[in-house]
Every structure is written in structure tokens, then in C-alpha cells.
């Protein structure tokens, strides 16, 4: 579900769920911070299990900061 803000010059405004927009922003920021870790961004791991372990480790490091 796309949460795109309205164009200010548009006559007819589409409804925007502010709570959903805030949650989406939070998720996008989290993904951006995870991608700061080189191993997560380039996906060196060959198996999904190992990649999940690296993502979990990176998320733990971010949480502890």
C-alpha cells in the first residue's frame, strides 16, 4: 500500500492516513540504518539463513546503540 502525500497544487486532495504514514517512515528509516552495514547492503551471504543472522546481528547492534 503506497502512502504518498498529496501534491500541493492539486485541486482534489486524496485522504492520507497520518498514522500509517508515520509507521511507514519508521520502517524506511530502520531499513536505511540497516543498509549502513556493508554485509547487509551487499548481501555477501549465500544462504537466506546466514543473511538473516547478519541482519539480526545488525539490528541488535542498532538497538544497543
PDB file of N, CA and C in Angstrom:
ATOM      1  N   UNK A   1       0.844  -1.173   0.000  1.00  0.00           N
ATOM      2  CA  UNK A   1       0.000   0.000   0.000  1.00  0.00           C
ATOM      3  C   UNK A   1       0.891   1.237   0.000  1.00  0.00           C
ATOM      4  N   UNK A   2       0.778   2.032  -1.015  1.00  0.00           N
ATOM      5  CA  UNK A   2       1.583   3.245  -1.125  1.00  0.00           C
ATOM      6  C   UNK A   2       0.989   4.351  -0.265  1.00  0.00           C
ATOM      7  N   UNK A   3       1.840   5.049   0.431  1.00  0.00           N
ATOM      8  CA  UNK A   3       1.418   6.194   1.235  1.00  0.00           C
ATOM      9  C   UNK A   3       2.164   7.397   0.677  1.00  0.00           C
ATOM     10  N   UNK A   4       1.537   8.053  -0.285  1.00  0.00           N
ATOM     11  CA  UNK A   4       2.178   9.160  -0.987  1.00  0.00           C
ATOM     12  C   UNK A   4       1.447  10.452  -0.626  1.00  0.00           C
ATOM     13  N   UNK A   5       2.160  11.478  -0.160  1.00  0.00           N
ATOM     14  CA  UNK A   5       1.495  12.735   0.176  1.00  0.00           C
ATOM     15  C   UNK A   5       0.917  13.406  -1.070  1.00  0.00           C
ATOM     16  N   UNK A   6      -0.085  14.240  -0.853  1.00  0.00           N
ATOM     17  CA  UNK A   6      -0.736  14.945  -1.950  1.00  0.00           C
ATOM     18  C   UNK A   6       0.175  16.006  -2.546  1.00  0.00           C
ATOM     19  N   UNK A   7      -0.039  16.284  -3.824  1.00  0.00           N
ATOM     20  CA  UNK A   7       0.632  17.384  -4.496  1.00  0.00           C
ATOM     21  C   UNK A   7      -0.066  18.677  -4.054  1.00  0.00           C
ATOM     22  N   UNK A   8       0.671  19.666  -3.578  1.00  0.00           N
ATOM     23  CA  UNK A   8       0.025  20.889  -3.072  1.00  0.00           C
ATOM     24  C   UNK A   8      -0.803  21.635  -4.121  1.00  0.00           C
ATOM     25  N   UNK A   9      -0.468  21.501  -5.395  1.00  0.00           N
ATOM     26  CA  UNK A   9      -1.196  22.239  -6.431  1.00  0.00           C
ATOM     27  C   UNK A   9      -2.434  21.493  -6.921  1.00  0.00           C
ATOM     28  N   UNK A  10      -2.660  20.308  -6.433  1.00  0.00           N
ATOM     29  CA  UNK A  10      -3.799  19.512  -6.888  1.00  0.00           C
ATOM     30  C   UNK A  10      -5.089  20.012  -6.241  1.00  0.00           C
ATOM     31  N   UNK A  11      -6.157  20.115  -7.031  1.00  0.00           N
ATOM     32  CA  UNK A  11      -7.430  20.627  -6.520  1.00  0.00           C
ATOM     33  C   UNK A  11      -8.105  19.599  -5.605  1.00  0.00           C
ATOM     34  N   UNK A  12      -8.167  18.345  -6.052  1.00  0.00           N
ATOM     35  CA  UNK A  12      -8.829  17.306  -5.260  1.00  0.00           C
ATOM     36  C   UNK A  12      -7.772  16.591  -4.414  1.00  0.00           C
ATOM     37  N   UNK A  13      -7.940  16.642  -3.113  1.00  0.00           N
ATOM     38  CA  UNK A  13      -6.988  16.016  -2.202  1.00  0.00           C
ATOM     39  C   UNK A  13      -7.434  14.593  -1.880  1.00  0.00           C
ATOM     40  N   UNK A  14      -6.484  13.668  -1.907  1.00  0.00           N
ATOM     41  CA  UNK A  14      -6.763  12.294  -1.524  1.00  0.00           C
ATOM     42  C   UNK A  14      -6.543  12.159  -0.025  1.00  0.00           C
ATOM     43  N   UNK A  15      -7.348  11.325   0.640  1.00  0.00           N
ATOM     44  CA  UNK A  15      -7.148  11.166   2.085  1.00  0.00           C
ATOM     45  C   UNK A  15      -5.803  10.503   2.379  1.00  0.00           C
ATOM     46  N   UNK A  16      -5.161  10.934   3.452  1.00  0.00           N
ATOM     47  CA  UNK A  16      -3.862  10.415   3.845  1.00  0.00           C
ATOM     48  C   UNK A  16      -3.939   9.992   5.302  1.00  0.00           C
ATOM     49  N   UNK A  17      -3.651   8.737   5.560  1.00  0.00           N
ATOM     50  CA  UNK A  17      -3.664   8.208   6.920  1.00  0.00           C
ATOM     51  C   UNK A  17      -2.345   8.578   7.595  1.00  0.00           C
ATOM     52  N   UNK A  18      -2.378   9.549   8.498  1.00  0.00           N
ATOM     53  CA  UNK A  18      -1.161  10.050   9.140  1.00  0.00           C
ATOM     54  C   UNK A  18      -0.465   8.974   9.967  1.00  0.00           C
ATOM     55  N   UNK A  19      -1.232   8.116  10.636  1.00  0.00           N
ATOM     56  CA  UNK A  19      -0.638   7.062  11.464  1.00  0.00           C
ATOM     57  C   UNK A  19       0.105   6.056  10.582  1.00  0.00           C
ATOM     58  N   UNK A  20      -0.504   5.662   9.473  1.00  0.00           N
ATOM     59  CA  UNK A  20       0.137   4.734   8.550  1.00  0.00           C
ATOM     60  C   UNK A  20       1.381   5.371   7.927  1.00  0.00           C
ATOM     61  N   UNK A  21       1.296   6.659   7.615  1.00  0.00           N
ATOM     62  CA  UNK A  21       2.428   7.388   7.046  1.00  0.00           C
ATOM     63  C   UNK A  21       3.594   7.416   8.033  1.00  0.00           C
ATOM     64  N   UNK A  22       3.308   7.624   9.317  1.00  0.00           N
ATOM     65  CA  UNK A  22       4.352   7.664  10.347  1.00  0.00           C
ATOM     66  C   UNK A  22       4.996   6.293  10.526  1.00  0.00           C
ATOM     67  N   UNK A  23       4.183   5.237  10.492  1.00  0.00           N
ATOM     68  CA  UNK A  23       4.723   3.882  10.627  1.00  0.00           C
ATOM     69  C   UNK A  23       5.605   3.531   9.436  1.00  0.00           C
ATOM     70  N   UNK A  24       5.174   3.908   8.249  1.00  0.00           N
ATOM     71  CA  UNK A  24       5.967   3.629   7.055  1.00  0.00           C
ATOM     72  C   UNK A  24       7.309   4.361   7.116  1.00  0.00           C
ATOM     73  N   UNK A  25       7.288   5.596   7.586  1.00  0.00           N
ATOM     74  CA  UNK A  25       8.522   6.372   7.725  1.00  0.00           C
ATOM     75  C   UNK A  25       9.475   5.684   8.702  1.00  0.00           C
ATOM     76  N   UNK A  26       8.948   5.167   9.795  1.00  0.00           N
ATOM     77  CA  UNK A  26       9.759   4.472  10.789  1.00  0.00           C
ATOM     78  C   UNK A  26      10.429   3.241  10.182  1.00  0.00           C
ATOM     79  N   UNK A  27       9.683   2.472   9.398  1.00  0.00           N
ATOM     80  CA  UNK A  27      10.223   1.267   8.760  1.00  0.00           C
ATOM     81  C   UNK A  27      11.298   1.642   7.741  1.00  0.00           C
ATOM     82  N   UNK A  28      11.047   2.682   6.940  1.00  0.00           N
ATOM     83  CA  UNK A  28      12.028   3.099   5.941  1.00  0.00           C
ATOM     84  C   UNK A  28      13.321   3.580   6.592  1.00  0.00           C
ATOM     85  N   UNK A  29      13.219   4.281   7.708  1.00  0.00           N
ATOM     86  CA  UNK A  29      14.422   4.732   8.429  1.00  0.00           C
ATOM     87  C   UNK A  29      15.200   3.543   8.975  1.00  0.00           C
ATOM     88  N   UNK A  30      14.487   2.548   9.488  1.00  0.00           N
ATOM     89  CA  UNK A  30      15.137   1.350  10.026  1.00  0.00           C
ATOM     90  C   UNK A  30      15.879   0.600   8.918  1.00  0.00           C
ATOM     91  N   UNK A  31      15.251   0.458   7.765  1.00  0.00           N
ATOM     92  CA  UNK A  31      15.897  -0.225   6.646  1.00  0.00           C
ATOM     93  C   UNK A  31      17.130   0.562   6.194  1.00  0.00           C
ATOM     94  N   UNK A  32      17.033   1.879   6.170  1.00  0.00           N
ATOM     95  CA  UNK A  32      18.175   2.709   5.806  1.00  0.00           C
ATOM     96  C   UNK A  32      19.344   2.536   6.764  1.00  0.00           C
ATOM     97  N   UNK A  33      19.040   2.452   8.053  1.00  0.00           N
ATOM     98  CA  UNK A  33      20.104   2.251   9.039  1.00  0.00           C
ATOM     99  C   UNK A  33      20.719   0.866   8.911  1.00  0.00           C
ATOM    100  N   UNK A  34      19.897  -0.142   8.603  1.00  0.00           N
ATOM    101  CA  UNK A  34      20.431  -1.494   8.416  1.00  0.00           C
ATOM    102  C   UNK A  34      21.360  -1.549   7.206  1.00  0.00           C
ATOM    103  N   UNK A  35      21.042  -0.784   6.173  1.00  0.00           N
ATOM    104  CA  UNK A  35      21.859  -0.805   4.957  1.00  0.00           C
ATOM    105  C   UNK A  35      23.189  -0.088   5.133  1.00  0.00           C
ATOM    106  N   UNK A  36      23.389   0.583   6.271  1.00  0.00           N
ATOM    107  CA  UNK A  36      24.685   1.189   6.549  1.00  0.00           C
ATOM    108  C   UNK A  36      25.727   0.113   6.836  1.00  0.00           C
ATOM    109  N   UNK A  37      25.272  -1.065   7.203  1.00  0.00           N
ATOM    110  CA  UNK A  37      26.177  -2.187   7.427  1.00  0.00           C
ATOM    111  C   UNK A  37      26.497  -2.806   6.069  1.00  0.00           C
ATOM    112  N   UNK A  38      27.763  -2.864   5.735  1.00  0.00           N
ATOM    113  CA  UNK A  38      28.195  -3.302   4.405  1.00  0.00           C
ATOM    114  C   UNK A  38      27.722  -4.711   4.075  1.00  0.00           C
ATOM    115  N   UNK A  39      27.795  -5.618   5.032  1.00  0.00           N
ATOM    116  CA  UNK A  39      27.395  -7.004   4.780  1.00  0.00           C
ATOM    117  C   UNK A  39      25.906  -7.113   4.486  1.00  0.00           C
ATOM    118  N   UNK A  40      25.110  -6.250   5.076  1.00  0.00           N
ATOM    119  CA  UNK A  40      23.666  -6.275   4.827  1.00  0.00           C
ATOM    120  C   UNK A  40      23.370  -5.671   3.458  1.00  0.00           C
ATOM    121  N   UNK A  41      24.005  -4.549   3.143  1.00  0.00           N
ATOM    122  CA  UNK A  41      23.719  -3.843   1.892  1.00  0.00           C
ATOM    123  C   UNK A  41      24.137  -4.645   0.664  1.00  0.00           C
ATOM    124  N   UNK A  42      25.282  -5.346   0.739  1.00  0.00           N
ATOM    125  CA  UNK A  42      25.777  -6.056  -0.437  1.00  0.00           C
ATOM    126  C   UNK A  42      25.400  -7.527  -0.451  1.00  0.00           C
ATOM    127  N   UNK A  43      24.887  -8.028   0.645  1.00  0.00           N
ATOM    128  CA  UNK A  43      24.452  -9.418   0.786  1.00  0.00           C
ATOM    129  C   UNK A  43      25.540 -10.403   0.355  1.00  0.00           C
ATOM    130  N   UNK A  44      26.602 -10.449   1.145  1.00  0.00           N
ATOM    131  CA  UNK A  44      27.688 -11.392   0.898  1.00  0.00           C
ATOM    132  C   UNK A  44      27.265 -12.828   1.177  1.00  0.00           C
ATOM    133  N   UNK A  45      26.316 -13.003   2.075  1.00  0.00           N
ATOM    134  CA  UNK A  45      25.914 -14.354   2.488  1.00  0.00           C
ATOM    135  C   UNK A  45      25.172 -15.050   1.351  1.00  0.00           C
ATOM    136  N   UNK A  46      25.476 -16.326   1.155  1.00  0.00           N
ATOM    137  CA  UNK A  46      24.869 -17.071   0.051  1.00  0.00           C
ATOM    138  C   UNK A  46      23.517 -17.669   0.428  1.00  0.00           C
ATOM    139  N   UNK A  47      23.340 -18.026   1.690  1.00  0.00           N
ATOM    140  CA  UNK A  47      22.078 -18.650   2.095  1.00  0.00           C
ATOM    141  C   UNK A  47      21.210 -17.646   2.847  1.00  0.00           C
ATOM    142  N   UNK A  48      19.909 -17.850   2.759  1.00  0.00           N
ATOM    143  CA  UNK A  48      18.965 -16.961   3.442  1.00  0.00           C
ATOM    144  C   UNK A  48      19.139 -17.041   4.955  1.00  0.00           C
ATOM    145  N   UNK A  49      19.467 -18.214   5.442  1.00  0.00           N
ATOM    146  CA  UNK A  49      19.654 -18.404   6.887  1.00  0.00           C
ATOM    147  C   UNK A  49      20.816 -17.557   7.406  1.00  0.00           C
ATOM    148  N   UNK A  50      21.923 -17.567   6.686  1.00  0.00           N
ATOM    149  CA  UNK A  50      23.082 -16.775   7.098  1.00  0.00           C
ATOM    150  C   UNK A  50      22.812 -15.276   6.958  1.00  0.00           C
ATOM    151  N   UNK A  51      22.097 -14.890   5.905  1.00  0.00           N
ATOM    152  CA  UNK A  51      21.765 -13.477   5.714  1.00  0.00           C
ATOM    153  C   UNK A  51      20.854 -12.985   6.840  1.00  0.00           C
ATOM    154  N   UNK A  52      19.890 -13.812   7.232  1.00  0.00           N
ATOM    155  CA  UNK A  52      19.008 -13.453   8.337  1.00  0.00           C
ATOM    156  C   UNK A  52      19.803 -13.270   9.626  1.00  0.00           C
ATOM    157  N   UNK A  53      20.811 -14.104   9.820  1.00  0.00           N
ATOM    158  CA  UNK A  53      21.660 -13.975  11.012  1.00  0.00           C
ATOM    159  C   UNK A  53      22.413 -12.643  10.997  1.00  0.00           C
ATOM    160  N   UNK A  54      22.919 -12.243   9.841  1.00  0.00           N
ATOM    161  CA  UNK A  54      23.644 -10.970   9.730  1.00  0.00           C
ATOM    162  C   UNK A  54      22.695  -9.796   9.966  1.00  0.00           C
ATOM    163  N   UNK A  55      21.494  -9.859   9.404  1.00  0.00           N
ATOM    164  CA  UNK A  55      20.512  -8.791   9.607  1.00  0.00           C
ATOM    165  C   UNK A  55      20.122  -8.710  11.080  1.00  0.00           C
ATOM    166  N   UNK A  56      19.945  -9.854  11.715  1.00  0.00           N
ATOM    167  CA  UNK A  56      19.608  -9.886  13.141  1.00  0.00           C
ATOM    168  C   UNK A  56      20.727  -9.279  13.975  1.00  0.00           C
ATOM    169  N   UNK A  57      21.951  -9.614  13.641  1.00  0.00           N
ATOM    170  CA  UNK A  57      23.099  -9.060  14.358  1.00  0.00           C
ATOM    171  C   UNK A  57      23.175  -7.540  14.173  1.00  0.00           C
ATOM    172  N   UNK A  58      22.965  -7.075  12.953  1.00  0.00           N
ATOM    173  CA  UNK A  58      22.997  -5.633  12.684  1.00  0.00           C
ATOM    174  C   UNK A  58      21.870  -4.915  13.432  1.00  0.00           C
ATOM    175  N   UNK A  59      20.681  -5.515  13.458  1.00  0.00           N
ATOM    176  CA  UNK A  59      19.557  -4.912  14.183  1.00  0.00           C
ATOM    177  C   UNK A  59      19.840  -4.853  15.680  1.00  0.00           C
ATOM    178  N   UNK A  60      20.499  -5.878  16.199  1.00  0.00           N
ATOM    179  CA  UNK A  60      20.855  -5.892  17.620  1.00  0.00           C
ATOM    180  C   UNK A  60      21.859  -4.792  17.935  1.00  0.00           C
ATOM    181  N   UNK A  61      22.836  -4.610  17.057  1.00  0.00           N
ATOM    182  CA  UNK A  61      23.831  -3.548  17.256  1.00  0.00           C
ATOM    183  C   UNK A  61      23.146  -2.180  17.244  1.00  0.00           C
ATOM    184  N   UNK A  62      22.210  -1.975  16.317  1.00  0.00           N
ATOM    185  CA  UNK A  62      21.482  -0.704  16.267  1.00  0.00           C
ATOM    186  C   UNK A  62      20.641  -0.501  17.521  1.00  0.00           C
ATOM    187  N   UNK A  63      20.033  -1.570  18.002  1.00  0.00           N
ATOM    188  CA  UNK A  63      19.184  -1.482  19.182  1.00  0.00           C
ATOM    189  C   UNK A  63      20.001  -1.137  20.429  1.00  0.00           C
ATOM    190  N   UNK A  64      21.225  -1.660  20.501  1.00  0.00           N
ATOM    191  CA  UNK A  64      22.071  -1.424  21.668  1.00  0.00           C
ATOM    192  C   UNK A  64      22.709  -0.036  21.675  1.00  0.00           C
ATOM    193  N   UNK A  65      22.746   0.631  20.544  1.00  0.00           N
ATOM    194  CA  UNK A  65      23.353   1.976  20.471  1.00  0.00           C
ATOM    195  C   UNK A  65      22.549   2.997  21.219  1.00  0.00           C
TER     196      UNK A  65
END
